């Protein structure tokens, strides 16, 4: 069949040529851009998946940057803390030097006090001037703010707390076991009644040390109490007069709460004291009430009779706490807090609404998803001299001129205890920041790096061009385009064959 007006073969060739040109253009675009998906029509589902993965990659990259920035900030804080630690060590040495009162003149003590004042001022200056991009790090700027502190809470430290935006967190302490002092009673039935020329010799021991004491016949309970208390800083055992029913004598107590402190009494020579007198304990259910069952007579106490105290048993916000004396502590991903209770709070079983955390702390976004799970919170307490120490011992600024623990005429024993606590506080802060750098930041950077690598690989698989496959498609399309051009040329020439029929 021969027609001129409609060349069907040419139309077919044109359509196929258009398709081949489209395929060739697509291959050229993919090879020139390196992307398999350049617009939505290339692969709608693949485009959606690819864009989601790209968003994840961007978030992961930012989280890695945040972690690295956190590392840099903590490095700056660590530099300030290290210098404060060095100054505290120097203060410790100066305190020991000044305690050598017989070998120092008043002028020398005053000179040492000038050094102490200078050191305390330097500590305050470091706390106020250690900054990162203008943000002060050691002046309490990153400490937590609290409200509604219970009267049964003597001290608290918040090392970390995750809060929802604008939210608060209540800290609830449930005391399940009371904290107790170690305790024992020496029942003497009043003043000592000994054999002629005899002495009552005992060895008192506690967590701090041991002392041997001797008493003559007629020594009153008050005199024994005074003698024992003279050495309480050395032994860790204090004494008080006690008259409870048939038990009349000296009450011995450890100076600190907890399972480590203890009271031990060993009788070296009973001095012929009356029969039936001896050592008694306290009721297990009521540490203030004497147990009328004798532990040992003085004659049989040649081997030491010992009683240990008891740590508080507690949970904080439903998490079983690690305890020491009157202090309970938990460390979880959402709350890291240490609470020290008063004698009343630690001595009674029950629930205590300790305080409410209302804000503060340093928040670091170390996860790709912005929510509370991807956030790490860190508290850095104020390192000024007025904040180093605790309410029981006192604070470091009490070592300044004219204050209770100054170097010239102050209480150097208390000064050294405060210094020991300050060194402990600074060391603990350095340890927490170091652990944050090594474990939290280090592990986060490594895990986010792996996640970014795998996410990038997944996105590349979906969106990037496979050059081997696309080059083959390009070659195929080029050949088919050339073939289609030749076929179209033949198809367009075909109507000319009709002219042969016209003669």
Protein backbone atom coordinates (compact mmCIF):
# COMPACT_ATOMS: atom_id res chain seq x y z
CA UNK A 1 0.00 0.00 0.00
CA UNK A 2 1.47 3.33 -1.04
CA UNK A 3 0.29 6.67 0.44
CA UNK A 4 1.74 10.17 0.25
CA UNK A 5 -0.41 12.31 2.59
CA UNK A 6 0.22 10.16 5.66
CA UNK A 7 3.61 8.60 6.17
CA UNK A 8 2.93 6.18 9.05
CA UNK A 9 6.44 4.77 8.97
CA UNK A 10 7.87 8.24 9.49
CA UNK A 11 5.55 8.88 12.40
CA UNK A 12 6.64 5.63 14.04
CA UNK A 13 10.29 6.49 13.48
CA UNK A 14 9.77 10.00 14.90
CA UNK A 15 8.10 8.61 18.05
CA UNK A 16 10.85 6.09 18.67
CA UNK A 17 13.51 8.73 17.98
CA UNK A 18 11.91 11.03 20.60
CA UNK A 19 11.92 8.24 23.17
CA UNK A 20 15.55 7.44 22.45
CA UNK A 21 16.51 11.13 22.67
CA UNK A 22 14.74 11.33 26.06
CA UNK A 23 16.60 8.28 27.32
CA UNK A 24 19.89 9.72 26.00
CA UNK A 25 19.22 13.07 27.73
CA UNK A 26 18.43 11.32 31.01
CA UNK A 27 21.67 9.33 30.85
CA UNK A 28 23.67 12.46 30.02
CA UNK A 29 22.06 14.32 32.95
CA UNK A 30 22.76 11.51 35.40
CA UNK A 31 26.36 11.16 34.26
CA UNK A 32 27.01 14.91 34.34
CA UNK A 33 25.41 15.49 37.79
CA UNK A 34 26.43 12.18 39.36
CA UNK A 35 22.86 11.80 40.66
CA UNK A 36 20.35 9.15 39.70
CA UNK A 37 17.51 11.29 41.07
CA UNK A 38 17.57 14.90 39.86
CA UNK A 39 13.86 15.67 40.12
CA UNK A 40 10.79 14.08 41.65
CA UNK A 41 9.70 12.25 38.49
CA UNK A 42 12.97 10.32 38.35
CA UNK A 43 11.94 8.28 41.44
CA UNK A 44 9.24 9.80 43.69
CA UNK A 45 9.61 7.27 46.51
CA UNK A 46 13.40 7.34 46.29
CA UNK A 47 13.37 11.16 46.42
CA UNK A 48 11.34 11.13 49.66
CA UNK A 49 13.66 8.58 51.28
CA UNK A 50 16.74 10.45 50.08
CA UNK A 51 15.56 13.82 51.42
CA UNK A 52 14.77 12.27 54.82
CA UNK A 53 18.23 10.72 54.95
CA UNK A 54 19.81 14.04 53.97
CA UNK A 55 17.98 15.73 56.86
CA UNK A 56 19.30 13.02 59.21
CA UNK A 57 22.82 13.55 57.86
CA UNK A 58 22.61 17.28 58.50
CA UNK A 59 21.37 16.73 62.06
CA UNK A 60 24.07 14.13 62.76
CA UNK A 61 26.76 16.45 61.44
CA UNK A 62 25.53 19.25 63.70
CA UNK A 63 25.40 16.91 66.70
CA UNK A 64 29.05 15.94 66.08
CA UNK A 65 29.88 19.65 65.94
CA UNK A 66 28.01 20.18 69.22
CA UNK A 67 29.97 17.39 70.88
CA UNK A 68 33.26 18.84 69.70
CA UNK A 69 32.21 22.28 70.96
CA UNK A 70 31.31 20.75 74.33
CA UNK A 71 34.77 19.20 74.50
CA UNK A 72 36.38 22.60 73.89
CA UNK A 73 34.25 24.27 76.55
CA UNK A 74 35.07 21.63 79.15
CA UNK A 75 38.77 21.99 78.32
CA UNK A 76 38.55 25.67 79.27
CA UNK A 77 36.75 24.84 82.52
CA UNK A 78 39.32 22.15 83.32
CA UNK A 79 42.12 24.69 82.97
CA UNK A 80 40.52 26.89 85.64
CA UNK A 81 39.80 23.93 87.91
CA UNK A 82 43.38 22.71 87.67
CA UNK A 83 44.69 26.07 88.83
CA UNK A 84 42.20 26.18 91.73
CA UNK A 85 43.30 22.68 92.73
CA UNK A 86 46.94 23.81 92.78
CA UNK A 87 46.08 26.80 94.96
CA UNK A 88 44.14 24.63 97.42
CA UNK A 89 47.11 22.30 97.73
CA UNK A 90 49.30 25.30 98.52
CA UNK A 91 46.77 26.43 101.14
CA UNK A 92 46.95 23.01 102.77
CA UNK A 93 50.70 23.35 103.14
CA UNK A 94 50.41 26.87 104.59
CA UNK A 95 47.87 25.67 107.16
CA UNK A 96 50.20 22.90 108.31
CA UNK A 97 53.09 25.35 108.49
CA UNK A 98 51.16 27.81 110.67
CA UNK A 99 50.10 25.01 113.03
CA UNK A 100 53.74 24.89 114.16
CA UNK A 101 52.97 27.67 116.66
CA UNK A 102 56.08 27.27 118.80
CA UNK A 103 58.36 27.91 115.85
CA UNK A 104 56.59 30.90 114.29
CA UNK A 105 56.40 34.51 115.36
CA UNK A 106 53.24 36.55 115.10
CA UNK A 107 54.76 38.46 112.20
CA UNK A 108 55.38 35.23 110.29
CA UNK A 109 51.78 34.11 110.88
CA UNK A 110 50.54 37.45 109.62
CA UNK A 111 52.73 37.08 106.53
CA UNK A 112 51.24 33.63 105.91
CA UNK A 113 47.77 35.11 106.35
CA UNK A 114 48.56 37.62 103.60
CA UNK A 115 49.42 34.69 101.31
CA UNK A 116 46.20 32.95 102.26
CA UNK A 117 44.15 36.08 101.54
CA UNK A 118 45.87 36.44 98.18
CA UNK A 119 45.18 32.81 97.29
CA UNK A 120 41.50 33.10 98.24
CA UNK A 121 41.18 36.25 96.14
CA UNK A 122 42.83 34.44 93.22
CA UNK A 123 40.41 31.52 93.54
CA UNK A 124 37.50 33.96 93.43
CA UNK A 125 39.03 35.71 90.41
CA UNK A 126 39.50 32.40 88.55
CA UNK A 127 35.92 31.41 89.33
CA UNK A 128 34.70 34.71 87.92
CA UNK A 129 36.99 35.01 84.89
CA UNK A 130 37.08 31.52 83.39
CA UNK A 131 34.96 32.04 80.27
CA UNK A 132 34.13 30.41 76.95
CA UNK A 133 32.89 32.84 74.27
CA UNK A 134 32.00 35.30 77.00
CA UNK A 135 30.08 32.75 79.09
CA UNK A 136 31.42 32.34 82.63
CA UNK A 137 31.93 28.67 83.48
CA UNK A 138 32.93 28.46 87.16
CA UNK A 139 30.90 31.21 88.85
CA UNK A 140 27.72 29.17 89.26
CA UNK A 141 26.39 30.20 85.84
CA UNK A 142 25.88 26.51 85.04
CA UNK A 143 24.67 25.49 88.49
CA UNK A 144 21.03 24.50 88.96
CA UNK A 145 18.47 26.75 90.58
CA UNK A 146 16.20 25.19 93.20
CA UNK A 147 13.22 26.10 95.33
CA UNK A 148 11.30 24.69 98.29
CA UNK A 149 14.33 23.16 100.03
CA UNK A 150 13.13 21.03 102.96
CA UNK A 151 14.31 21.88 106.46
CA UNK A 152 15.53 18.28 106.82
CA UNK A 153 18.04 18.80 103.96
CA UNK A 154 21.38 20.19 105.15
CA UNK A 155 23.29 20.09 101.85
CA UNK A 156 22.67 19.11 98.26
CA UNK A 157 24.62 18.94 95.04
CA UNK A 158 23.06 18.64 91.58
CA UNK A 159 25.53 17.26 89.06
CA UNK A 160 23.04 16.81 86.24
CA UNK A 161 19.30 17.08 85.60
CA UNK A 162 17.37 16.85 82.35
CA UNK A 163 14.42 19.22 82.28
CA UNK A 164 11.78 19.67 79.62
CA UNK A 165 11.77 23.16 78.11
CA UNK A 166 10.49 25.46 80.83
CA UNK A 167 9.82 22.49 83.12
CA UNK A 168 10.86 21.58 86.65
CA UNK A 169 11.79 18.38 88.45
CA UNK A 170 10.89 17.47 92.03
CA UNK A 171 13.46 15.54 94.07
CA UNK A 172 11.80 13.12 96.47
CA UNK A 173 13.85 11.21 99.05
CA UNK A 174 12.36 8.10 100.64
CA UNK A 175 14.25 7.09 103.79
CA UNK A 176 13.84 3.34 104.27
CA UNK A 177 16.51 2.83 106.96
CA UNK A 178 17.61 5.48 109.42
CA UNK A 179 21.24 6.58 109.65
CA UNK A 180 22.77 5.86 113.04
CA UNK A 181 25.80 6.75 115.08
CA UNK A 182 27.86 3.97 116.61
CA UNK A 183 27.08 3.89 120.31
CA UNK A 184 27.82 2.20 123.62
CA UNK A 185 27.24 2.87 127.33
CA UNK A 186 29.78 2.42 130.09
CA UNK A 187 27.57 1.81 133.15
CA UNK A 188 29.54 2.87 136.25
CA UNK A 189 26.68 3.52 138.68
CA UNK A 190 27.88 7.09 139.13
CA UNK A 191 31.39 7.95 140.34
CA UNK A 192 33.96 5.18 140.09
CA UNK A 193 34.20 2.93 143.16
CA UNK A 194 37.47 1.03 142.87
CA UNK A 195 39.71 -1.01 145.08
CA UNK A 196 42.27 0.79 147.20
CA UNK A 197 45.06 2.25 145.09
CA UNK A 198 43.53 0.88 141.89
CA UNK A 199 42.87 2.65 138.58
CA UNK A 200 40.25 2.04 135.93
CA UNK A 201 42.14 1.87 132.62
CA UNK A 202 40.35 1.63 129.30
CA UNK A 203 41.19 1.93 125.62
CA UNK A 204 38.73 4.04 123.60
CA UNK A 205 38.91 3.54 119.83
CA UNK A 206 37.05 5.02 116.88
CA UNK A 207 37.41 5.65 113.17
CA UNK A 208 40.04 8.36 113.74
CA UNK A 209 42.28 6.58 116.22
CA UNK A 210 42.82 5.14 119.72
CA UNK A 211 43.53 6.55 123.19
CA UNK A 212 44.19 4.85 126.53
CA UNK A 213 42.72 6.59 129.57
CA UNK A 214 43.13 5.90 133.28
CA UNK A 215 40.76 7.04 136.05
CA UNK A 216 41.18 6.92 139.84
CA UNK A 217 38.54 5.88 142.32
CA UNK A 218 36.04 8.67 142.92
CA UNK A 219 36.25 10.07 139.38
CA UNK A 220 32.81 11.37 138.51
CA UNK A 221 30.89 10.69 135.31
CA UNK A 222 31.29 14.35 134.31
CA UNK A 223 35.07 14.13 134.75
CA UNK A 224 35.25 10.98 132.61
CA UNK A 225 33.12 12.67 129.93
CA UNK A 226 35.44 15.67 129.88
CA UNK A 227 38.54 13.48 129.60
CA UNK A 228 37.12 11.40 126.74
CA UNK A 229 35.91 14.46 124.84
CA UNK A 230 39.39 15.98 125.05
CA UNK A 231 40.47 13.39 122.48
CA UNK A 232 37.33 13.16 120.34
CA UNK A 233 39.09 14.75 117.34
CA UNK A 234 41.76 12.07 117.66
CA UNK A 235 39.49 9.07 118.26
CA UNK A 236 36.24 10.07 116.53
CA UNK A 237 34.37 9.18 119.75
CA UNK A 238 32.46 11.68 121.89
CA UNK A 239 31.03 11.21 125.38
CA UNK A 240 28.02 12.44 127.38
CA UNK A 241 26.59 11.69 130.81
CA UNK A 242 23.67 9.25 130.81
CA UNK A 243 21.19 8.23 133.47
CA UNK A 244 18.56 5.84 132.11
CA UNK A 245 16.79 3.69 134.70
CA UNK A 246 19.24 1.27 136.21
CA UNK A 247 21.96 2.28 133.73
CA UNK A 248 23.99 5.23 134.96
CA UNK A 249 27.29 6.19 133.38
CA UNK A 250 28.98 7.44 130.22
CA UNK A 251 27.34 7.38 126.79
CA UNK A 252 29.86 6.96 123.98
CA UNK A 253 28.97 7.92 120.41
CA UNK A 254 30.85 8.16 117.14
CA UNK A 255 31.19 11.74 115.96
CA UNK A 256 29.93 10.83 112.47
CA UNK A 257 27.02 8.80 111.11
CA UNK A 258 27.51 5.74 108.92
CA UNK A 259 28.80 2.20 108.80
CA UNK A 260 32.49 3.17 108.78
CA UNK A 261 32.56 5.06 112.12
CA UNK A 262 32.61 2.82 115.22
CA UNK A 263 33.02 2.85 118.99
CA UNK A 264 35.26 0.31 120.65
CA UNK A 265 35.99 -0.12 124.37
CA UNK A 266 38.69 -2.39 125.74
CA UNK A 267 39.27 -2.68 129.49
CA UNK A 268 42.96 -2.82 130.32
CA UNK A 269 42.39 -2.83 134.12
CA UNK A 270 38.94 -2.85 135.73
CA UNK A 271 40.44 -1.61 139.04
CA UNK A 272 38.21 -3.91 141.03
CA UNK A 273 35.08 -2.03 140.02
CA UNK A 274 31.81 -3.38 141.39
CA UNK A 275 30.34 -6.58 139.97
CA UNK A 276 27.49 -6.29 137.49
CA UNK A 277 28.75 -3.06 135.97
CA UNK A 278 29.86 -3.05 132.37
CA UNK A 279 29.08 -2.17 128.75
CA UNK A 280 25.57 -1.81 127.29
CA UNK A 281 24.25 -1.10 123.82
CA UNK A 282 21.21 0.71 122.43
CA UNK A 283 17.94 -0.67 121.12
CA UNK A 284 18.09 -1.57 117.41
CA UNK A 285 14.64 -0.07 116.81
CA UNK A 286 15.40 3.06 118.82
CA UNK A 287 19.00 4.22 118.81
CA UNK A 288 18.27 6.65 121.66
CA UNK A 289 17.02 4.04 124.13
CA UNK A 290 19.44 1.96 126.21
CA UNK A 291 19.23 -1.81 125.90
CA UNK A 292 19.11 -3.25 129.43
CA UNK A 293 20.84 -6.48 128.34
CA UNK A 294 24.50 -6.19 129.24
CA UNK A 295 27.02 -6.70 126.43
CA UNK A 296 29.95 -7.42 128.71
CA UNK A 297 31.04 -6.78 132.27
CA UNK A 298 34.18 -4.71 132.65
CA UNK A 299 35.99 -7.79 133.94
CA UNK A 300 35.18 -9.66 130.72
CA UNK A 301 35.92 -6.75 128.35
CA UNK A 302 39.62 -7.50 128.02
CA UNK A 303 38.86 -8.11 124.35
CA UNK A 304 37.47 -4.97 122.74
CA UNK A 305 33.69 -4.62 122.55
CA UNK A 306 32.74 -2.80 119.35
CA UNK A 307 29.65 -1.21 117.82
CA UNK A 308 29.42 0.24 114.30
CA UNK A 309 27.06 2.89 113.00
CA UNK A 310 24.66 2.58 110.09
CA UNK A 311 24.36 4.30 106.72
CA UNK A 312 21.04 5.72 105.72
CA UNK A 313 18.95 3.54 103.41
CA UNK A 314 17.11 5.59 100.82
CA UNK A 315 15.79 5.96 97.30
CA UNK A 316 15.60 9.18 95.29
CA UNK A 317 12.77 9.56 92.79
CA UNK A 318 12.21 5.82 92.90
CA UNK A 319 15.87 4.89 92.25
CA UNK A 320 17.78 3.06 94.99
CA UNK A 321 20.46 5.43 96.22
CA UNK A 322 24.10 4.85 97.04
CA UNK A 323 24.52 6.01 100.63
CA UNK A 324 27.25 7.09 103.01
CA UNK A 325 26.31 8.28 106.48
CA UNK A 326 23.50 10.81 106.05
CA UNK A 327 24.15 11.30 102.33
CA UNK A 328 22.23 9.61 99.52
CA UNK A 329 23.18 9.84 95.84
CA UNK A 330 21.84 8.61 92.50
CA UNK A 331 23.35 8.95 89.05
CA UNK A 332 20.98 8.28 86.16
CA UNK A 333 20.65 9.64 82.64
CA UNK A 334 17.94 12.05 83.81
CA UNK A 335 19.08 12.95 87.32
CA UNK A 336 22.47 12.98 89.07
CA UNK A 337 22.02 14.38 92.56
CA UNK A 338 23.52 14.10 96.04
CA UNK A 339 21.44 14.93 99.11
CA UNK A 340 22.69 15.17 102.70
CA UNK A 341 20.00 15.13 105.36
CA UNK A 342 19.99 16.62 108.83
CA UNK A 343 20.18 14.36 111.89
CA UNK A 344 16.39 14.50 112.13
CA UNK A 345 15.82 13.78 108.44
CA UNK A 346 18.29 10.88 108.35
CA UNK A 347 17.06 9.45 111.65
CA UNK A 348 13.41 8.99 110.71
CA UNK A 349 11.95 6.60 108.14
CA UNK A 350 9.62 8.34 105.71
CA UNK A 351 9.30 10.44 102.57
CA UNK A 352 10.92 13.86 102.22
CA UNK A 353 10.15 16.39 99.49
CA UNK A 354 13.78 17.53 99.33
CA UNK A 355 13.58 20.38 96.78
CA UNK A 356 12.45 21.32 93.28
CA UNK A 357 14.90 21.90 90.43
CA UNK A 358 13.56 24.89 88.50
CA UNK A 359 16.24 25.37 85.85
CA UNK A 360 19.91 25.98 85.15
CA UNK A 361 22.71 23.63 84.23
CA UNK A 362 24.63 23.29 80.97
CA UNK A 363 22.64 21.51 78.25
CA UNK A 364 24.42 19.91 75.31
CA UNK A 365 22.49 18.62 72.28
CA UNK A 366 24.48 15.49 71.44
CA UNK A 367 21.79 13.63 69.50
CA UNK A 368 20.47 14.20 66.00
CA UNK A 369 16.88 14.45 67.25
CA UNK A 370 16.07 17.48 69.38
CA UNK A 371 14.33 15.98 72.43
CA UNK A 372 15.14 15.21 76.04
CA UNK A 373 16.69 11.85 75.12
CA UNK A 374 19.25 13.48 72.82
CA UNK A 375 20.26 16.05 75.42
CA UNK A 376 22.98 15.75 78.07
CA UNK A 377 22.82 18.05 81.11
CA UNK A 378 25.75 18.93 83.33
CA UNK A 379 25.91 21.03 86.49
CA UNK A 380 29.04 22.99 87.42
CA UNK A 381 28.87 24.50 90.89
CA UNK A 382 30.21 27.89 91.90
CA UNK A 383 33.91 27.54 92.79
CA UNK A 384 34.20 30.82 94.69
CA UNK A 385 35.77 30.50 98.15
CA UNK A 386 32.42 31.20 99.82
CA UNK A 387 30.99 28.06 98.17
CA UNK A 388 33.82 25.54 98.69
CA UNK A 389 33.14 23.41 101.76
CA UNK A 390 29.80 22.52 103.33
CA UNK A 391 27.37 23.73 105.95
CA UNK A 392 28.59 21.26 108.58
CA UNK A 393 32.29 22.17 108.39
CA UNK A 394 32.11 25.73 107.10
CA UNK A 395 33.36 27.36 103.90
CA UNK A 396 36.77 28.31 102.56
CA UNK A 397 36.28 32.05 102.95
CA UNK A 398 36.35 31.53 106.74
CA UNK A 399 40.16 31.35 106.37
CA UNK A 400 40.39 35.06 105.50
CA UNK A 401 41.81 37.66 107.90
CA UNK A 402 39.66 38.18 110.97
CA UNK A 403 37.40 35.17 110.33
CA UNK A 404 37.00 32.13 112.57
CA UNK A 405 39.58 29.95 110.83
CA UNK A 406 42.27 32.50 109.98
CA UNK A 407 45.96 31.63 110.19
CA UNK A 408 46.90 33.98 113.05
CA UNK A 409 44.50 33.05 115.85
CA UNK A 410 41.82 30.92 114.22
CA UNK A 411 40.84 27.26 114.50
CA UNK A 412 43.39 25.54 112.28
CA UNK A 413 41.89 22.09 112.80
CA UNK A 414 38.61 23.30 111.31
CA UNK A 415 40.52 25.16 108.60
CA UNK A 416 42.24 21.96 107.49
CA UNK A 417 38.95 20.03 107.47
CA UNK A 418 37.39 22.72 105.28
CA UNK A 419 40.39 22.60 102.96
CA UNK A 420 40.13 18.82 102.70
CA UNK A 421 36.46 19.16 101.74
CA UNK A 422 37.25 21.93 99.23
CA UNK A 423 39.96 19.79 97.60
CA UNK A 424 37.47 16.91 97.48
CA UNK A 425 34.83 19.15 95.86
CA UNK A 426 37.19 20.46 93.18
CA UNK A 427 38.61 17.01 92.47
CA UNK A 428 35.10 15.58 92.16
CA UNK A 429 34.16 18.32 89.69
CA UNK A 430 37.28 17.67 87.63
CA UNK A 431 36.53 13.96 87.68
CA UNK A 432 32.94 14.51 86.51
CA UNK A 433 34.06 16.81 83.69
CA UNK A 434 36.79 14.35 82.70
CA UNK A 435 34.29 11.49 82.63
CA UNK A 436 31.95 13.66 80.55
CA UNK A 437 34.75 14.31 78.04
CA UNK A 438 36.04 10.76 77.88
CA UNK A 439 32.84 8.74 78.06
CA UNK A 440 29.92 10.93 77.06
CA UNK A 441 31.52 13.20 74.45
CA UNK A 442 34.05 10.65 73.19
CA UNK A 443 31.51 7.85 72.81
CA UNK A 444 28.99 10.23 71.28
CA UNK A 445 31.40 11.46 68.60
CA UNK A 446 32.35 7.90 67.73
CA UNK A 447 28.77 6.60 67.57
CA UNK A 448 27.51 9.64 65.66
CA UNK A 449 30.39 9.27 63.22
CA UNK A 450 29.37 5.67 62.49
CA UNK A 451 25.72 6.70 62.17
CA UNK A 452 26.64 9.52 59.77
CA UNK A 453 28.76 7.14 57.71
CA UNK A 454 25.99 4.56 57.41
CA UNK A 455 23.31 7.16 56.71
CA UNK A 456 25.46 8.72 53.99
CA UNK A 457 25.99 5.30 52.43
CA UNK A 458 22.24 4.63 52.45
CA UNK A 459 21.48 8.02 50.87
CA UNK A 460 24.17 7.46 48.25
CA UNK A 461 22.73 4.08 47.30
CA UNK A 462 19.33 5.67 46.67
CA UNK A 463 20.32 8.93 44.99
CA UNK A 464 23.76 8.62 43.37
CA UNK A 465 24.37 7.45 39.82
CA UNK A 466 25.76 3.98 39.15
CA UNK A 467 28.27 5.05 36.48
CA UNK A 468 28.88 1.54 35.16
CA UNK A 469 25.19 0.94 34.56
CA UNK A 470 24.48 4.46 33.31
CA UNK A 471 27.42 4.41 30.86
CA UNK A 472 25.99 1.23 29.35
CA UNK A 473 22.60 2.95 29.08
CA UNK A 474 24.26 5.96 27.43
CA UNK A 475 26.00 3.79 24.83
CA UNK A 476 22.75 1.92 24.15
CA UNK A 477 20.80 5.18 23.81
CA UNK A 478 23.43 6.67 21.46
CA UNK A 479 23.26 3.62 19.18
CA UNK A 480 19.46 3.58 19.21
CA UNK A 481 19.30 7.34 18.43
CA UNK A 482 21.62 6.87 15.47
CA UNK A 483 19.58 3.90 14.29
CA UNK A 484 16.34 5.82 14.70
CA UNK A 485 17.78 8.74 12.68
CA UNK A 486 18.69 6.38 9.85
CA UNK A 487 15.29 4.70 9.95
CA UNK A 488 13.55 8.09 9.92
CA UNK A 489 15.59 9.12 6.90
CA UNK A 490 14.53 5.96 5.07
CA UNK A 491 10.90 6.42 6.14
CA UNK A 492 10.84 10.00 4.86
CA UNK A 493 12.29 8.92 1.52
CA UNK A 494 9.80 6.09 1.07
CA UNK A 495 6.91 8.22 -0.47
CA UNK A 496 9.20 9.16 -3.34
CA UNK A 497 8.81 5.57 -4.58
CA UNK A 498 5.21 6.44 -5.53
CA UNK A 499 6.55 8.69 -8.32
CA UNK A 500 7.61 5.60 -10.21
CA UNK A 501 3.93 4.65 -10.54
CA UNK A 502 3.18 7.96 -12.31
CA UNK A 503 5.53 7.06 -15.17
